[in-house]
Amino acid sequence: MKLFEYEAKHILSQKGVKIPRSVLIAPGDDPLAKMEEAGLKPPVVVKAQVLVAGRGKAGGIKMAKTEEDVKNIVNELFNKPIKGIVPKLLLIEEAIPHETELYAAIVLDRSERKPVILASKYGGMDIEEISREKPESIVRQHVDPFIGLKGYQARLIGKKIGLSGKALASFAKFLTALYEAFTEYDAELAESNPLALVGDEVIPLDARMIVDDNSLYRHPEIAKERLEESGEYTEWEIKARKMGLGFVELDGEIGIIGNGAGLTMTTMDLVYEFGGKPANFLDIGGGASAELVKKAVSFLIEYPKAKKIFINIFGGITRGDEVAKGIVKALEELGDVSKPIVIRLAGTKAEEGKKILEEAGIAAFTDPIEAVKKVIEM
């Protein structure tokens, strides 16, 4: 789950990081009244709260020098798609004069099974270009997750990007807080770009965090009502997630259900290989119950992009008879289903599952390639 800038900054402020004064506004709010309540006066920066990278280059961040500028920019941004997403919230933030922009981030290095800190004396919107042109300017430091980030490591990173004195101390304090936020919120990424150097103090002018979806049960405060707010998901993806289904919408015509992400992606590859186009990715996971299978099948029958459905199950901890019961229940409850459905069933309890399907008048394949060819021909 990606966090909005204002959420990431709030988390950092709770860790003792100084952040710019700001106010959050929604459509219909009076921006000038909100600014007055927060003690903000122009010049300010108006930022679209959208979960996409490169929003600055896409026109989602604008400077307002007068109150009239504020009103015009707010009206513009609430009606302007930023990389296809129309913002539902704007952050109005004090403009902080500065000359130096740094970069600091913590990401999960899966190959090393450790967080790695990335820092550079060059920050701003062109950090990607700088990393390509001057890779030596990016300082990398792995952190032992059992020990955590030590003060000397934070200071060493700061020295390597050219800081000293009070500026170095401020950077080290910020990096320590960023690491605390990264670990506490089970993050895959925690980043500030640009991280402004104002005198001898570093201030995050922007902040990003991505939290591991698997940990959201530990962070209910950031998971509530986020699907609609984020703008990341389509109407059908939101509906599926609320039903507990692992679903991604695609542009083809063949609805796909598989058990396990690997098998589901392989199924999609097979469909492409033989000339079809998947309408979706839908993973029911391992050990799926008949109820979950029924839910997934019913969902795809309603899903308009899926003109036909291919169910590919290889039983391990998933039982073929449970899958078959779920399919039969879905078809019985929905009545006359016009969409063609092709089923491949193998592995644990596959024969029992095929028998249940046969009794309901449904044939099942064992060979996935035969099944794929069949669904494409239909």
Protein backbone atom coordinates (compact mmCIF):
# COMPACT_ATOMS: atom_id res chain seq x y z
CA MET A 1 0.00 0.00 0.00
CA LYS A 2 1.33 3.40 -1.01
CA LEU A 3 0.87 6.22 1.47
CA PHE A 4 0.02 9.75 0.48
CA GLU A 5 2.64 12.43 1.02
CA TYR A 6 0.70 13.97 3.92
CA GLU A 7 0.45 10.56 5.63
CA ALA A 8 4.16 9.84 5.26
CA LYS A 9 5.04 13.29 6.59
CA HIS A 10 2.72 12.84 9.56
CA ILE A 11 4.48 9.59 10.45
CA LEU A 12 7.89 11.33 10.22
CA SER A 13 6.68 14.22 12.36
CA GLN A 14 5.70 11.70 15.05
CA LYS A 15 9.33 10.55 14.98
CA GLY A 16 10.54 14.08 15.73
CA VAL A 17 11.21 15.23 12.16
CA LYS A 18 10.50 18.88 11.41
CA ILE A 19 8.12 19.11 8.44
CA PRO A 20 6.77 22.19 6.61
CA ARG A 21 3.55 23.71 7.98
CA SER A 22 0.65 22.63 5.80
CA VAL A 23 -3.08 22.18 5.45
CA LEU A 24 -5.04 19.44 3.68
CA ILE A 25 -8.04 20.42 1.57
CA ALA A 26 -10.79 18.52 -0.22
CA PRO A 27 -13.08 19.62 -3.07
CA GLY A 28 -15.53 22.24 -1.80
CA ASP A 29 -13.22 23.52 0.95
CA ASP A 30 -12.31 27.21 1.06
CA PRO A 31 -8.50 27.05 0.65
CA LEU A 32 -7.91 30.58 1.94
CA ALA A 33 -9.99 30.00 5.08
CA LYS A 34 -8.15 26.72 5.72
CA MET A 35 -4.81 28.48 5.23
CA GLU A 36 -5.80 31.21 7.67
CA GLU A 37 -6.71 28.60 10.29
CA ALA A 38 -3.28 27.02 9.85
CA GLY A 39 -1.44 30.36 9.88
CA LEU A 40 -0.29 29.97 6.28
CA LYS A 41 0.24 32.85 3.87
CA PRO A 42 1.54 32.91 0.29
CA PRO A 43 3.94 31.98 -1.11
CA VAL A 44 2.84 28.37 -0.71
CA VAL A 45 3.20 25.16 -2.68
CA VAL A 46 0.02 23.38 -3.76
CA LYS A 47 0.50 19.62 -4.20
CA ALA A 48 -1.86 17.06 -5.69
CA GLN A 49 -2.12 14.04 -3.38
CA VAL A 50 -1.91 11.23 -5.92
CA LEU A 51 -0.07 7.93 -5.59
CA VAL A 52 2.09 8.20 -8.71
CA ALA A 53 5.75 8.95 -9.19
CA GLY A 54 6.77 12.01 -11.17
CA ARG A 55 3.71 14.10 -10.25
CA GLY A 56 5.88 17.26 -10.28
CA LYS A 57 6.82 16.78 -13.92
CA ALA A 58 3.18 15.91 -14.66
CA GLY A 59 2.04 19.31 -13.34
CA GLY A 60 0.80 18.15 -9.95
CA ILE A 61 2.94 20.53 -7.88
CA LYS A 62 2.61 24.30 -8.33
CA MET A 63 3.87 27.41 -6.57
CA ALA A 64 1.26 30.00 -5.55
CA LYS A 65 2.64 33.49 -4.87
CA THR A 66 -0.67 35.23 -4.16
CA GLU A 67 -4.07 34.33 -2.73
CA GLU A 68 -5.52 34.61 -6.24
CA ASP A 69 -2.90 32.08 -7.40
CA VAL A 70 -3.98 29.73 -4.62
CA LYS A 71 -7.65 29.79 -5.70
CA ASN A 72 -6.81 29.32 -9.38
CA ILE A 73 -4.32 26.49 -8.79
CA VAL A 74 -6.63 24.65 -6.39
CA ASN A 75 -9.44 24.81 -8.94
CA GLU A 76 -7.09 23.63 -11.69
CA LEU A 77 -5.62 20.69 -9.77
CA PHE A 78 -8.97 19.37 -8.57
CA ASN A 79 -10.00 19.12 -12.22
CA LYS A 80 -6.72 17.92 -13.71
CA PRO A 81 -5.79 14.23 -14.07
CA ILE A 82 -2.21 13.62 -12.93
CA LYS A 83 -1.04 10.58 -14.90
CA GLY A 84 -4.67 9.55 -15.25
CA ILE A 85 -5.69 10.15 -11.61
CA VAL A 86 -7.79 13.17 -10.56
CA PRO A 87 -6.72 14.16 -7.03
CA LYS A 88 -9.29 14.04 -4.24
CA LEU A 89 -7.03 15.88 -1.81
CA LEU A 90 -4.52 18.72 -2.09
CA LEU A 91 -1.75 19.63 0.34
CA ILE A 92 -1.05 23.35 0.68
CA GLU A 93 2.38 23.77 2.23
CA GLU A 94 4.57 26.70 3.19
CA ALA A 95 7.22 27.47 0.59
CA ILE A 96 10.64 27.00 2.17
CA PRO A 97 13.52 28.84 0.42
CA HIS A 98 16.55 26.61 -0.01
CA GLU A 99 19.53 26.16 -2.28
CA THR A 100 20.57 22.56 -1.64
CA GLU A 101 18.41 19.49 -2.28
CA LEU A 102 19.50 16.07 -1.01
CA TYR A 103 18.07 12.60 -1.51
CA ALA A 104 17.52 9.92 1.14
CA ALA A 105 15.68 6.63 0.95
CA ILE A 106 15.46 3.22 2.58
CA VAL A 107 14.37 0.24 0.49
CA LEU A 108 14.22 -3.48 1.07
CA ASP A 109 17.07 -5.33 -0.65
CA ARG A 110 15.50 -8.76 -1.04
CA SER A 111 18.64 -10.37 -2.40
CA GLU A 112 20.53 -9.42 0.78
CA ARG A 113 17.47 -9.78 3.06
CA LYS A 114 18.31 -6.40 4.54
CA PRO A 115 17.18 -2.79 4.29
CA VAL A 116 19.56 -0.62 2.29
CA ILE A 117 19.93 3.14 2.73
CA LEU A 118 20.41 5.21 -0.43
CA ALA A 119 21.58 8.81 -0.18
CA SER A 120 22.87 11.44 -2.57
CA LYS A 121 23.98 15.05 -2.50
CA TYR A 122 21.82 15.49 -5.60
CA GLY A 123 18.07 15.49 -5.00
CA GLY A 124 15.01 16.76 -6.84
CA MET A 125 12.88 15.63 -9.74
CA ASP A 126 15.82 14.43 -11.83
CA ILE A 127 17.22 11.93 -9.31
CA GLU A 128 16.62 9.05 -11.76
CA GLU A 129 18.70 10.77 -14.44
CA ILE A 130 21.42 11.60 -11.93
CA SER A 131 21.56 7.97 -10.77
CA ARG A 132 22.08 6.90 -14.38
CA GLU A 133 24.60 9.59 -15.28
CA LYS A 134 26.46 9.71 -11.93
CA PRO A 135 25.93 6.32 -10.24
CA GLU A 136 28.92 7.00 -8.02
CA SER A 137 26.98 9.85 -6.40
CA ILE A 138 24.53 7.40 -4.79
CA VAL A 139 25.79 6.18 -1.40
CA ARG A 140 24.57 2.72 -0.39
CA GLN A 141 24.64 1.28 3.12
CA HIS A 142 23.01 -2.01 4.17
CA VAL A 143 21.59 -2.22 7.70
CA ASP A 144 21.54 -5.38 9.77
CA PRO A 145 17.83 -5.75 10.66
CA PHE A 146 18.68 -7.42 13.99
CA ILE A 147 20.91 -4.54 15.10
CA GLY A 148 19.25 -1.59 13.37
CA LEU A 149 20.74 1.66 12.13
CA LYS A 150 23.54 2.90 14.38
CA GLY A 151 24.39 6.57 14.83
CA TYR A 152 27.88 6.17 13.37
CA GLN A 153 26.39 4.64 10.20
CA ALA A 154 24.00 7.56 9.74
CA ARG A 155 26.82 10.07 10.26
CA LEU A 156 29.11 8.19 7.88
CA ILE A 157 26.45 8.32 5.16
CA GLY A 158 26.03 12.05 5.76
CA LYS A 159 29.80 12.62 5.49
CA LYS A 160 29.91 10.71 2.22
CA ILE A 161 27.39 13.09 0.67
CA GLY A 162 29.39 16.12 1.82
CA LEU A 163 27.74 17.16 5.08
CA SER A 164 29.51 18.29 8.23
CA GLY A 165 28.86 20.01 11.55
CA LYS A 166 25.26 20.76 12.53
CA ALA A 167 24.00 19.82 9.05
CA LEU A 168 25.53 16.37 9.48
CA ALA A 169 23.90 15.98 12.90
CA SER A 170 20.53 17.03 11.50
CA PHE A 171 20.83 14.59 8.60
CA ALA A 172 21.79 11.72 10.90
CA LYS A 173 18.80 12.46 13.14
CA PHE A 174 16.50 12.50 10.11
CA LEU A 175 17.91 9.24 8.74
CA THR A 176 17.43 7.56 12.13
CA ALA A 177 13.79 8.69 12.21
CA LEU A 178 13.26 7.52 8.62
CA TYR A 179 14.63 4.09 9.54
CA GLU A 180 12.38 3.89 12.61
CA ALA A 181 9.35 4.68 10.44
CA PHE A 182 10.49 2.14 7.85
CA THR A 183 10.70 -0.69 10.37
CA GLU A 184 7.70 0.24 12.52
CA TYR A 185 5.36 0.39 9.51
CA ASP A 186 6.75 -2.70 7.74
CA ALA A 187 7.69 -0.54 4.77
CA GLU A 188 9.18 -1.61 1.46
CA LEU A 189 10.19 2.01 0.76
CA ALA A 190 10.61 5.17 2.81
CA GLU A 191 11.94 8.14 0.87
CA SER A 192 12.41 11.90 0.94
CA ASN A 193 13.09 13.65 -2.35
CA PRO A 194 13.88 16.44 -2.16
CA LEU A 195 15.31 16.60 1.33
CA ALA A 196 16.10 20.31 1.60
CA LEU A 197 19.13 21.66 3.44
CA VAL A 198 17.96 24.92 5.02
CA GLY A 199 20.88 26.49 6.83
CA ASP A 200 22.16 23.71 9.06
CA GLU A 201 18.87 21.78 9.14
CA VAL A 202 17.39 19.18 6.80
CA ILE A 203 13.65 19.36 6.09
CA PRO A 204 11.74 16.82 3.96
CA LEU A 205 9.92 18.78 1.26
CA ASP A 206 8.43 15.52 0.02
CA ALA A 207 8.02 12.07 1.54
CA ARG A 208 6.93 8.69 0.22
CA MET A 209 6.23 5.40 1.95
CA ILE A 210 5.08 2.03 0.65
CA VAL A 211 3.83 -0.41 3.28
CA ASP A 212 3.85 -4.17 2.73
CA ASP A 213 0.22 -5.23 2.12
CA ASN A 214 0.80 -8.37 4.19
CA SER A 215 1.34 -6.26 7.30
CA LEU A 216 -1.80 -4.11 7.06
CA TYR A 217 -3.55 -6.08 9.80
CA ARG A 218 -0.95 -4.52 12.11
CA HIS A 219 -1.72 -1.01 10.84
CA PRO A 220 -5.51 -0.64 10.68
CA GLU A 221 -5.18 3.11 11.09
CA ILE A 222 -3.75 3.45 7.56
CA ALA A 223 -5.78 0.70 5.92
CA LYS A 224 -9.29 2.05 6.51
CA GLU A 225 -11.23 3.27 3.48
CA ARG A 226 -8.09 3.42 1.39
CA LEU A 227 -9.20 1.60 -1.77
CA GLU A 228 -11.42 4.39 -3.11
CA GLU A 229 -9.16 7.18 -1.85
CA SER A 230 -5.98 5.96 -3.46
CA GLY A 231 -7.03 6.16 -7.10
CA GLU A 232 -4.80 3.13 -7.71
CA TYR A 233 -7.60 0.63 -8.30
CA THR A 234 -10.41 0.28 -10.82
CA GLU A 235 -14.04 -0.13 -9.79
CA TRP A 236 -13.83 -3.93 -10.22
CA GLU A 237 -10.50 -4.18 -8.39
CA ILE A 238 -12.01 -2.32 -5.43
CA LYS A 239 -15.03 -4.62 -5.45
CA ALA A 240 -12.79 -7.72 -5.59
CA ARG A 241 -10.54 -6.57 -2.75
CA LYS A 242 -13.55 -5.93 -0.53
CA MET A 243 -14.58 -9.53 -1.25
CA GLY A 244 -11.11 -10.77 -0.29
CA LEU A 245 -10.10 -11.72 -3.85
CA GLY A 246 -6.63 -11.20 -5.34
CA PHE A 247 -7.76 -9.59 -8.60
CA VAL A 248 -6.08 -7.39 -11.24
CA GLU A 249 -8.06 -6.03 -14.18
CA LEU A 250 -6.60 -6.49 -17.69
CA ASP A 251 -7.78 -5.70 -21.21
CA GLY A 252 -8.51 -9.11 -22.74
CA GLU A 253 -11.62 -11.26 -22.96
CA ILE A 254 -10.75 -14.51 -21.12
CA GLY A 255 -11.39 -14.47 -17.38
CA ILE A 256 -8.68 -16.34 -15.45
CA ILE A 257 -8.91 -18.09 -12.08
CA GLY A 258 -5.92 -19.97 -10.67
CA ASN A 259 -4.68 -21.15 -7.30
CA GLY A 260 -1.39 -19.51 -6.44
CA ALA A 261 0.18 -16.47 -8.10
CA GLY A 262 2.71 -18.59 -10.03
CA LEU A 263 0.10 -20.87 -11.59
CA THR A 264 -2.22 -17.95 -12.34
CA MET A 265 0.55 -16.04 -14.15
CA THR A 266 1.58 -19.20 -16.01
CA THR A 267 -2.05 -19.63 -17.05
CA MET A 268 -2.06 -16.10 -18.42
CA ASP A 269 1.14 -16.87 -20.36
CA LEU A 270 -0.47 -19.98 -21.86
CA VAL A 271 -3.50 -17.99 -22.94
CA TYR A 272 -1.23 -15.44 -24.64
CA GLU A 273 0.86 -18.23 -26.19
CA PHE A 274 -2.14 -19.70 -27.99
CA GLY A 275 -3.57 -16.41 -29.22
CA GLY A 276 -5.93 -15.34 -26.45
CA LYS A 277 -5.90 -12.33 -24.14
CA PRO A 278 -6.57 -12.53 -20.38
CA ALA A 279 -9.27 -10.23 -19.01
CA ASN A 280 -7.84 -10.43 -15.51
CA PHE A 281 -5.58 -12.06 -12.94
CA LEU A 282 -7.53 -13.75 -10.13
CA ASP A 283 -5.65 -15.85 -7.58
CA ILE A 284 -7.75 -17.77 -5.05
CA GLY A 285 -4.58 -18.83 -3.21
CA GLY A 286 -3.67 -22.14 -1.62
CA GLY A 287 -6.20 -24.16 0.34
CA ALA A 288 -9.18 -22.24 -1.07
CA SER A 289 -12.57 -23.28 0.35
CA ALA A 290 -15.66 -24.04 -1.71
CA GLU A 291 -17.12 -20.72 -0.52
CA LEU A 292 -14.14 -18.73 -1.80
CA VAL A 293 -14.21 -20.56 -5.14
CA LYS A 294 -17.93 -19.83 -5.45
CA LYS A 295 -17.24 -16.17 -4.72
CA ALA A 296 -14.47 -16.00 -7.38
CA VAL A 297 -16.53 -17.75 -10.07
CA SER A 298 -19.60 -15.60 -9.36
CA PHE A 299 -17.42 -12.48 -9.52
CA LEU A 300 -16.02 -13.36 -12.97
CA ILE A 301 -19.44 -14.25 -14.29
CA GLU A 302 -20.52 -10.70 -13.40
CA TYR A 303 -17.24 -9.10 -14.59
CA PRO A 304 -18.11 -7.61 -18.00
CA LYS A 305 -14.67 -7.90 -19.64
CA ALA A 306 -14.62 -11.69 -19.17
CA LYS A 307 -16.55 -13.09 -22.15
CA LYS A 308 -15.49 -16.63 -21.20
CA ILE A 309 -13.81 -18.12 -18.13
CA PHE A 310 -10.84 -20.45 -17.70
CA ILE A 311 -10.37 -22.05 -14.26
CA ASN A 312 -6.95 -23.70 -13.86
CA ILE A 313 -6.45 -25.58 -10.59
CA PHE A 314 -3.52 -27.76 -9.58
CA GLY A 315 -4.27 -29.16 -6.16
CA GLY A 316 -1.66 -29.22 -3.45
CA ILE A 317 -3.16 -27.89 -0.26
CA THR A 318 -6.06 -26.85 -2.49
CA ARG A 319 -8.50 -29.77 -2.81
CA GLY A 320 -10.14 -30.53 -6.15
CA ASP A 321 -13.43 -31.56 -4.56
CA GLU A 322 -13.70 -28.24 -2.69
CA VAL A 323 -13.03 -26.35 -5.93
CA ALA A 324 -15.67 -28.39 -7.76
CA LYS A 325 -18.25 -27.77 -5.03
CA GLY A 326 -17.60 -24.02 -5.24
CA ILE A 327 -18.00 -23.98 -9.04
CA VAL A 328 -21.23 -25.97 -8.89
CA LYS A 329 -22.64 -23.74 -6.12
CA ALA A 330 -21.88 -20.59 -8.11
CA LEU A 331 -23.58 -21.91 -11.23
CA GLU A 332 -26.60 -23.15 -9.29
CA GLU A 333 -27.08 -19.82 -7.52
CA LEU A 334 -26.67 -17.72 -10.66
CA GLY A 335 -28.95 -19.92 -12.75
CA ASP A 336 -28.67 -19.54 -16.53
CA VAL A 337 -25.01 -18.60 -17.17
CA SER A 338 -24.32 -17.64 -20.77
CA LYS A 339 -20.54 -17.37 -20.45
CA PRO A 340 -18.56 -20.45 -21.55
CA ILE A 341 -16.50 -21.95 -18.70
CA VAL A 342 -13.52 -24.29 -19.18
CA ILE A 343 -12.02 -26.08 -16.18
CA ARG A 344 -8.67 -27.81 -15.77
CA LEU A 345 -8.41 -29.83 -12.58
CA ALA A 346 -5.39 -31.86 -11.40
CA GLY A 347 -3.64 -32.81 -8.16
CA THR A 348 -5.15 -33.41 -4.72
CA LYS A 349 -8.71 -34.84 -4.85
CA ALA A 350 -8.89 -34.06 -8.59
CA GLU A 351 -10.79 -37.25 -9.44
CA GLU A 352 -13.37 -36.58 -6.72
CA GLY A 353 -13.70 -33.04 -8.04
CA LYS A 354 -14.20 -34.21 -11.62
CA LYS A 355 -16.92 -36.59 -10.46
CA ILE A 356 -18.78 -33.73 -8.72
CA LEU A 357 -18.50 -31.63 -11.89
CA GLU A 358 -19.63 -34.51 -14.13
CA GLU A 359 -22.70 -35.06 -11.97
CA ALA A 360 -23.53 -31.39 -12.58
CA GLY A 361 -23.00 -31.85 -16.33
CA ILE A 362 -19.62 -30.07 -16.43
CA ALA A 363 -16.52 -31.60 -18.05
CA ALA A 364 -13.03 -30.93 -16.73
CA PHE A 365 -9.65 -31.25 -18.45
CA THR A 366 -6.47 -32.67 -16.98
CA ASP A 367 -4.07 -31.24 -19.58
CA PRO A 368 -3.79 -27.43 -19.23
CA ILE A 369 -2.80 -26.93 -22.88
CA GLU A 370 -5.86 -28.79 -24.14
CA ALA A 371 -7.98 -26.68 -21.81
CA VAL A 372 -6.41 -23.42 -23.01
CA LYS A 373 -6.95 -24.34 -26.66
CA LYS A 374 -10.56 -25.17 -25.89
CA VAL A 375 -11.34 -21.88 -24.18
CA ILE A 376 -9.72 -19.90 -27.01
CA GLU A 377 -11.71 -21.80 -29.64
CA MET A 378 -15.06 -21.18 -27.88
